[in-house]
């Protein structure tokens, strides 16, 4: 995993652990995340794939990406 993707995934993971993001919360758009974290769309997409594989997020076509409910233990 490229360093930027790893760093962003770690930052994002902390949001789950700190309670900033709760199950069912909708995540910002890819464009908003790119702007906020100053990374490319490729970094966000790669990290999102990892988060989805870990069961932390759930993508709903045409609706957005949400924090998984319930979060895996």
PDB file of N, CA and C in Angstrom:
ATOM      1  N   UNK A   1       0.851  -1.166   0.000  1.00  0.00           N
ATOM      2  CA  UNK A   1       0.000   0.000   0.000  1.00  0.00           C
ATOM      3  C   UNK A   1       0.904   1.239   0.000  1.00  0.00           C
ATOM      4  N   UNK A   2       0.646   2.178  -0.908  1.00  0.00           N
ATOM      5  CA  UNK A   2       1.461   3.403  -0.964  1.00  0.00           C
ATOM      6  C   UNK A   2       1.357   4.204   0.337  1.00  0.00           C
ATOM      7  N   UNK A   3       2.418   4.947   0.686  1.00  0.00           N
ATOM      8  CA  UNK A   3       2.437   5.688   1.946  1.00  0.00           C
ATOM      9  C   UNK A   3       1.264   6.654   2.130  1.00  0.00           C
ATOM     10  N   UNK A   4       0.889   7.383   1.091  1.00  0.00           N
ATOM     11  CA  UNK A   4      -0.229   8.322   1.229  1.00  0.00           C
ATOM     12  C   UNK A   4      -1.524   7.598   1.557  1.00  0.00           C
ATOM     13  N   UNK A   5      -1.747   6.465   0.914  1.00  0.00           N
ATOM     14  CA  UNK A   5      -2.959   5.684   1.169  1.00  0.00           C
ATOM     15  C   UNK A   5      -2.948   5.170   2.603  1.00  0.00           C
ATOM     16  N   UNK A   6      -1.824   4.664   3.039  1.00  0.00           N
ATOM     17  CA  UNK A   6      -1.694   4.146   4.403  1.00  0.00           C
ATOM     18  C   UNK A   6      -1.946   5.251   5.427  1.00  0.00           C
ATOM     19  N   UNK A   7      -1.362   6.422   5.182  1.00  0.00           N
ATOM     20  CA  UNK A   7      -1.516   7.544   6.109  1.00  0.00           C
ATOM     21  C   UNK A   7      -2.969   7.990   6.186  1.00  0.00           C
ATOM     22  N   UNK A   8      -3.615   8.111   5.017  1.00  0.00           N
ATOM     23  CA  UNK A   8      -5.012   8.542   5.004  1.00  0.00           C
ATOM     24  C   UNK A   8      -5.903   7.504   5.656  1.00  0.00           C
ATOM     25  N   UNK A   9      -5.655   6.249   5.426  1.00  0.00           N
ATOM     26  CA  UNK A   9      -6.447   5.186   6.034  1.00  0.00           C
ATOM     27  C   UNK A   9      -6.317   5.233   7.558  1.00  0.00           C
ATOM     28  N   UNK A  10      -5.093   5.473   8.042  1.00  0.00           N
ATOM     29  CA  UNK A  10      -4.858   5.586   9.488  1.00  0.00           C
ATOM     30  C   UNK A  10      -5.626   6.772  10.071  1.00  0.00           C
ATOM     31  N   UNK A  11      -5.531   7.926   9.406  1.00  0.00           N
ATOM     32  CA  UNK A  11      -6.236   9.129   9.847  1.00  0.00           C
ATOM     33  C   UNK A  11      -7.736   8.867   9.896  1.00  0.00           C
ATOM     34  N   UNK A  12      -8.224   8.240   8.862  1.00  0.00           N
ATOM     35  CA  UNK A  12      -9.643   7.958   8.772  1.00  0.00           C
ATOM     36  C   UNK A  12     -10.061   6.950   9.842  1.00  0.00           C
ATOM     37  N   UNK A  13      -9.232   5.950  10.072  1.00  0.00           N
ATOM     38  CA  UNK A  13      -9.511   4.956  11.097  1.00  0.00           C
ATOM     39  C   UNK A  13      -9.625   5.576  12.482  1.00  0.00           C
ATOM     40  N   UNK A  14      -8.805   6.593  12.742  1.00  0.00           N
ATOM     41  CA  UNK A  14      -8.877   7.285  14.026  1.00  0.00           C
ATOM     42  C   UNK A  14     -10.223   7.967  14.216  1.00  0.00           C
ATOM     43  N   UNK A  15     -10.830   8.410  13.124  1.00  0.00           N
ATOM     44  CA  UNK A  15     -12.150   9.047  13.202  1.00  0.00           C
ATOM     45  C   UNK A  15     -13.199   8.059  13.711  1.00  0.00           C
ATOM     46  N   UNK A  16     -13.055   6.781  13.353  1.00  0.00           N
ATOM     47  CA  UNK A  16     -13.969   5.752  13.848  1.00  0.00           C
ATOM     48  C   UNK A  16     -13.742   5.531  15.340  1.00  0.00           C
ATOM     49  N   UNK A  17     -12.476   5.378  15.703  1.00  0.00           N
ATOM     50  CA  UNK A  17     -12.135   5.072  17.091  1.00  0.00           C
ATOM     51  C   UNK A  17     -12.476   6.210  18.047  1.00  0.00           C
ATOM     52  N   UNK A  18     -12.333   7.444  17.581  1.00  0.00           N
ATOM     53  CA  UNK A  18     -12.588   8.604  18.447  1.00  0.00           C
ATOM     54  C   UNK A  18     -14.078   8.908  18.587  1.00  0.00           C
ATOM     55  N   UNK A  19     -14.889   8.275  17.755  1.00  0.00           N
ATOM     56  CA  UNK A  19     -16.320   8.542  17.813  1.00  0.00           C
ATOM     57  C   UNK A  19     -16.758   9.689  16.924  1.00  0.00           C
ATOM     58  N   UNK A  20     -15.813  10.292  16.191  1.00  0.00           N
ATOM     59  CA  UNK A  20     -16.166  11.356  15.249  1.00  0.00           C
ATOM     60  C   UNK A  20     -17.128  10.828  14.193  1.00  0.00           C
ATOM     61  N   UNK A  21     -16.883   9.612  13.753  1.00  0.00           N
ATOM     62  CA  UNK A  21     -17.757   8.959  12.784  1.00  0.00           C
ATOM     63  C   UNK A  21     -18.457   7.803  13.470  1.00  0.00           C
ATOM     64  N   UNK A  22     -19.750   7.784  13.346  1.00  0.00           N
ATOM     65  CA  UNK A  22     -20.551   6.745  13.994  1.00  0.00           C
ATOM     66  C   UNK A  22     -21.225   5.870  12.943  1.00  0.00           C
ATOM     67  N   UNK A  23     -21.590   4.652  13.298  1.00  0.00           N
ATOM     68  CA  UNK A  23     -22.286   3.782  12.346  1.00  0.00           C
ATOM     69  C   UNK A  23     -23.487   4.485  11.730  1.00  0.00           C
ATOM     70  N   UNK A  24     -23.565   4.386  10.403  1.00  0.00           N
ATOM     71  CA  UNK A  24     -24.665   5.003   9.671  1.00  0.00           C
ATOM     72  C   UNK A  24     -24.365   6.400   9.162  1.00  0.00           C
ATOM     73  N   UNK A  25     -23.282   7.023   9.628  1.00  0.00           N
ATOM     74  CA  UNK A  25     -22.922   8.362   9.145  1.00  0.00           C
ATOM     75  C   UNK A  25     -22.516   8.301   7.678  1.00  0.00           C
ATOM     76  N   UNK A  26     -22.969   9.288   6.921  1.00  0.00           N
ATOM     77  CA  UNK A  26     -22.578   9.389   5.519  1.00  0.00           C
ATOM     78  C   UNK A  26     -21.236  10.104   5.432  1.00  0.00           C
ATOM     79  N   UNK A  27     -20.338   9.562   4.612  1.00  0.00           N
ATOM     80  CA  UNK A  27     -19.034  10.178   4.428  1.00  0.00           C
ATOM     81  C   UNK A  27     -19.130  11.296   3.403  1.00  0.00           C
ATOM     82  N   UNK A  28     -18.231  12.271   3.490  1.00  0.00           N
ATOM     83  CA  UNK A  28     -18.200  13.328   2.474  1.00  0.00           C
ATOM     84  C   UNK A  28     -17.899  12.726   1.094  1.00  0.00           C
ATOM     85  N   UNK A  29     -18.166  13.485   0.063  1.00  0.00           N
ATOM     86  CA  UNK A  29     -17.894  13.035  -1.309  1.00  0.00           C
ATOM     87  C   UNK A  29     -16.394  12.838  -1.504  1.00  0.00           C
ATOM     88  N   UNK A  30     -16.038  12.091  -2.541  1.00  0.00           N
ATOM     89  CA  UNK A  30     -14.628  11.872  -2.856  1.00  0.00           C
ATOM     90  C   UNK A  30     -13.943  13.208  -3.090  1.00  0.00           C
ATOM     91  N   UNK A  31     -14.600  14.106  -3.830  1.00  0.00           N
ATOM     92  CA  UNK A  31     -14.010  15.419  -4.123  1.00  0.00           C
ATOM     93  C   UNK A  31     -13.756  16.197  -2.834  1.00  0.00           C
ATOM     94  N   UNK A  32     -14.700  16.159  -1.906  1.00  0.00           N
ATOM     95  CA  UNK A  32     -14.540  16.869  -0.637  1.00  0.00           C
ATOM     96  C   UNK A  32     -13.400  16.267   0.179  1.00  0.00           C
ATOM     97  N   UNK A  33     -13.290  14.937   0.172  1.00  0.00           N
ATOM     98  CA  UNK A  33     -12.209  14.281   0.908  1.00  0.00           C
ATOM     99  C   UNK A  33     -10.846  14.617   0.296  1.00  0.00           C
ATOM    100  N   UNK A  34     -10.780  14.637  -1.029  1.00  0.00           N
ATOM    101  CA  UNK A  34      -9.523  14.989  -1.716  1.00  0.00           C
ATOM    102  C   UNK A  34      -9.084  16.394  -1.321  1.00  0.00           C
ATOM    103  N   UNK A  35     -10.032  17.310  -1.326  1.00  0.00           N
ATOM    104  CA  UNK A  35      -9.725  18.698  -0.988  1.00  0.00           C
ATOM    105  C   UNK A  35      -9.334  18.835   0.485  1.00  0.00           C
ATOM    106  N   UNK A  36     -10.102  18.211   1.354  1.00  0.00           N
ATOM    107  CA  UNK A  36      -9.864  18.321   2.800  1.00  0.00           C
ATOM    108  C   UNK A  36      -8.507  17.766   3.214  1.00  0.00           C
ATOM    109  N   UNK A  37      -8.144  16.603   2.663  1.00  0.00           N
ATOM    110  CA  UNK A  37      -6.900  15.946   3.056  1.00  0.00           C
ATOM    111  C   UNK A  37      -5.745  16.202   2.088  1.00  0.00           C
ATOM    112  N   UNK A  38      -6.026  16.975   1.040  1.00  0.00           N
ATOM    113  CA  UNK A  38      -5.013  17.340   0.042  1.00  0.00           C
ATOM    114  C   UNK A  38      -4.307  16.120  -0.539  1.00  0.00           C
ATOM    115  N   UNK A  39      -5.127  15.169  -0.981  1.00  0.00           N
ATOM    116  CA  UNK A  39      -4.618  13.966  -1.644  1.00  0.00           C
ATOM    117  C   UNK A  39      -5.400  13.762  -2.939  1.00  0.00           C
ATOM    118  N   UNK A  40      -4.901  12.887  -3.786  1.00  0.00           N
ATOM    119  CA  UNK A  40      -5.557  12.626  -5.061  1.00  0.00           C
ATOM    120  C   UNK A  40      -6.751  11.682  -4.898  1.00  0.00           C
ATOM    121  N   UNK A  41      -7.569  11.666  -5.918  1.00  0.00           N
ATOM    122  CA  UNK A  41      -8.717  10.773  -5.963  1.00  0.00           C
ATOM    123  C   UNK A  41      -8.263   9.307  -5.876  1.00  0.00           C
ATOM    124  N   UNK A  42      -7.110   9.015  -6.445  1.00  0.00           N
ATOM    125  CA  UNK A  42      -6.564   7.658  -6.419  1.00  0.00           C
ATOM    126  C   UNK A  42      -6.292   7.209  -4.983  1.00  0.00           C
ATOM    127  N   UNK A  43      -5.759   8.103  -4.166  1.00  0.00           N
ATOM    128  CA  UNK A  43      -5.471   7.782  -2.762  1.00  0.00           C
ATOM    129  C   UNK A  43      -6.771   7.486  -2.017  1.00  0.00           C
ATOM    130  N   UNK A  44      -7.774   8.335  -2.214  1.00  0.00           N
ATOM    131  CA  UNK A  44      -9.057   8.154  -1.540  1.00  0.00           C
ATOM    132  C   UNK A  44      -9.699   6.835  -1.973  1.00  0.00           C
ATOM    133  N   UNK A  45      -9.705   6.570  -3.270  1.00  0.00           N
ATOM    134  CA  UNK A  45     -10.313   5.330  -3.777  1.00  0.00           C
ATOM    135  C   UNK A  45      -9.618   4.092  -3.213  1.00  0.00           C
ATOM    136  N   UNK A  46      -8.283   4.109  -3.198  1.00  0.00           N
ATOM    137  CA  UNK A  46      -7.535   2.956  -2.686  1.00  0.00           C
ATOM    138  C   UNK A  46      -7.843   2.746  -1.201  1.00  0.00           C
ATOM    139  N   UNK A  47      -7.856   3.824  -0.435  1.00  0.00           N
ATOM    140  CA  UNK A  47      -8.148   3.703   0.992  1.00  0.00           C
ATOM    141  C   UNK A  47      -9.584   3.234   1.215  1.00  0.00           C
ATOM    142  N   UNK A  48     -10.519   3.716   0.408  1.00  0.00           N
ATOM    143  CA  UNK A  48     -11.917   3.299   0.533  1.00  0.00           C
ATOM    144  C   UNK A  48     -12.071   1.803   0.252  1.00  0.00           C
ATOM    145  N   UNK A  49     -11.328   1.296  -0.715  1.00  0.00           N
ATOM    146  CA  UNK A  49     -11.374  -0.141  -1.005  1.00  0.00           C
ATOM    147  C   UNK A  49     -10.896  -0.949   0.197  1.00  0.00           C
ATOM    148  N   UNK A  50      -9.860  -0.456   0.850  1.00  0.00           N
ATOM    149  CA  UNK A  50      -9.332  -1.136   2.038  1.00  0.00           C
ATOM    150  C   UNK A  50     -10.354  -1.077   3.168  1.00  0.00           C
ATOM    151  N   UNK A  51     -10.921   0.109   3.400  1.00  0.00           N
ATOM    152  CA  UNK A  51     -11.919   0.270   4.456  1.00  0.00           C
ATOM    153  C   UNK A  51     -13.138  -0.613   4.210  1.00  0.00           C
ATOM    154  N   UNK A  52     -13.531  -0.737   2.944  1.00  0.00           N
ATOM    155  CA  UNK A  52     -14.670  -1.596   2.610  1.00  0.00           C
ATOM    156  C   UNK A  52     -14.325  -3.066   2.864  1.00  0.00           C
ATOM    157  N   UNK A  53     -13.127  -3.475   2.466  1.00  0.00           N
ATOM    158  CA  UNK A  53     -12.692  -4.854   2.689  1.00  0.00           C
ATOM    159  C   UNK A  53     -12.610  -5.172   4.186  1.00  0.00           C
ATOM    160  N   UNK A  54     -12.294  -4.174   4.997  1.00  0.00           N
ATOM    161  CA  UNK A  54     -12.221  -4.352   6.450  1.00  0.00           C
ATOM    162  C   UNK A  54     -13.599  -4.290   7.110  1.00  0.00           C
ATOM    163  N   UNK A  55     -14.615  -3.974   6.305  1.00  0.00           N
ATOM    164  CA  UNK A  55     -15.968  -3.920   6.839  1.00  0.00           C
ATOM    165  C   UNK A  55     -16.303  -2.635   7.575  1.00  0.00           C
ATOM    166  N   UNK A  56     -15.480  -1.587   7.393  1.00  0.00           N
ATOM    167  CA  UNK A  56     -15.710  -0.327   8.094  1.00  0.00           C
ATOM    168  C   UNK A  56     -16.678   0.603   7.374  1.00  0.00           C
ATOM    169  N   UNK A  57     -16.778   0.460   6.056  1.00  0.00           N
ATOM    170  CA  UNK A  57     -17.690   1.310   5.292  1.00  0.00           C
ATOM    171  C   UNK A  57     -18.548   0.463   4.373  1.00  0.00           C
ATOM    172  N   UNK A  58     -19.629   1.070   3.926  1.00  0.00           N
ATOM    173  CA  UNK A  58     -20.567   0.394   3.037  1.00  0.00           C
ATOM    174  C   UNK A  58     -20.984   1.387   1.957  1.00  0.00           C
ATOM    175  N   UNK A  59     -20.689   1.059   0.699  1.00  0.00           N
ATOM    176  CA  UNK A  59     -21.088   1.918  -0.409  1.00  0.00           C
ATOM    177  C   UNK A  59     -22.475   1.550  -0.900  1.00  0.00           C
ATOM    178  N   UNK A  60     -23.297   2.555  -1.107  1.00  0.00           N
ATOM    179  CA  UNK A  60     -24.644   2.335  -1.623  1.00  0.00           C
ATOM    180  C   UNK A  60     -24.772   3.100  -2.927  1.00  0.00           C
ATOM    181  N   UNK A  61     -24.882   2.362  -4.021  1.00  0.00           N
ATOM    182  CA  UNK A  61     -24.900   2.973  -5.333  1.00  0.00           C
ATOM    183  C   UNK A  61     -25.975   4.047  -5.428  1.00  0.00           C
ATOM    184  N   UNK A  62     -25.552   5.223  -5.853  1.00  0.00           N
ATOM    185  CA  UNK A  62     -26.468   6.340  -6.020  1.00  0.00           C
ATOM    186  C   UNK A  62     -26.809   7.052  -4.721  1.00  0.00           C
ATOM    187  N   UNK A  63     -26.320   6.535  -3.601  1.00  0.00           N
ATOM    188  CA  UNK A  63     -26.632   7.130  -2.290  1.00  0.00           C
ATOM    189  C   UNK A  63     -25.395   7.699  -1.600  1.00  0.00           C
ATOM    190  N   UNK A  64     -24.252   7.048  -1.769  1.00  0.00           N
ATOM    191  CA  UNK A  64     -23.037   7.506  -1.114  1.00  0.00           C
ATOM    192  C   UNK A  64     -22.350   6.385  -0.359  1.00  0.00           C
ATOM    193  N   UNK A  65     -21.396   6.772   0.459  1.00  0.00           N
ATOM    194  CA  UNK A  65     -20.633   5.827   1.260  1.00  0.00           C
ATOM    195  C   UNK A  65     -20.915   6.137   2.724  1.00  0.00           C
ATOM    196  N   UNK A  66     -21.195   5.089   3.494  1.00  0.00           N
ATOM    197  CA  UNK A  66     -21.590   5.234   4.889  1.00  0.00           C
ATOM    198  C   UNK A  66     -20.704   4.393   5.790  1.00  0.00           C
ATOM    199  N   UNK A  67     -20.612   4.815   7.049  1.00  0.00           N
ATOM    200  CA  UNK A  67     -19.927   4.016   8.058  1.00  0.00           C
ATOM    201  C   UNK A  67     -20.786   2.769   8.268  1.00  0.00           C
ATOM    202  N   UNK A  68     -20.160   1.616   8.256  1.00  0.00           N
ATOM    203  CA  UNK A  68     -20.886   0.344   8.375  1.00  0.00           C
ATOM    204  C   UNK A  68     -21.645   0.258   9.689  1.00  0.00           C
ATOM    205  N   UNK A  69     -22.783  -0.396   9.613  1.00  0.00           N
ATOM    206  CA  UNK A  69     -23.579  -0.657  10.822  1.00  0.00           C
ATOM    207  C   UNK A  69     -23.858  -2.133  10.914  1.00  0.00           C
ATOM    208  N   UNK A  70     -23.498  -2.788  11.967  1.00  0.00           N
ATOM    209  CA  UNK A  70     -22.604  -2.299  13.025  1.00  0.00           C
ATOM    210  C   UNK A  70     -21.151  -2.399  12.562  1.00  0.00           C
ATOM    211  N   UNK A  71     -20.286  -1.660  13.249  1.00  0.00           N
ATOM    212  CA  UNK A  71     -18.865  -1.739  12.943  1.00  0.00           C
ATOM    213  C   UNK A  71     -18.338  -3.103  13.364  1.00  0.00           C
ATOM    214  N   UNK A  72     -17.414  -3.677  12.584  1.00  0.00           N
ATOM    215  CA  UNK A  72     -16.839  -4.968  12.975  1.00  0.00           C
ATOM    216  C   UNK A  72     -16.026  -4.825  14.244  1.00  0.00           C
ATOM    217  N   UNK A  73     -15.934  -5.910  14.992  1.00  0.00           N
ATOM    218  CA  UNK A  73     -15.147  -5.876  16.253  1.00  0.00           C
ATOM    219  C   UNK A  73     -13.804  -6.489  16.028  1.00  0.00           C
TER     220      UNK A  73
END
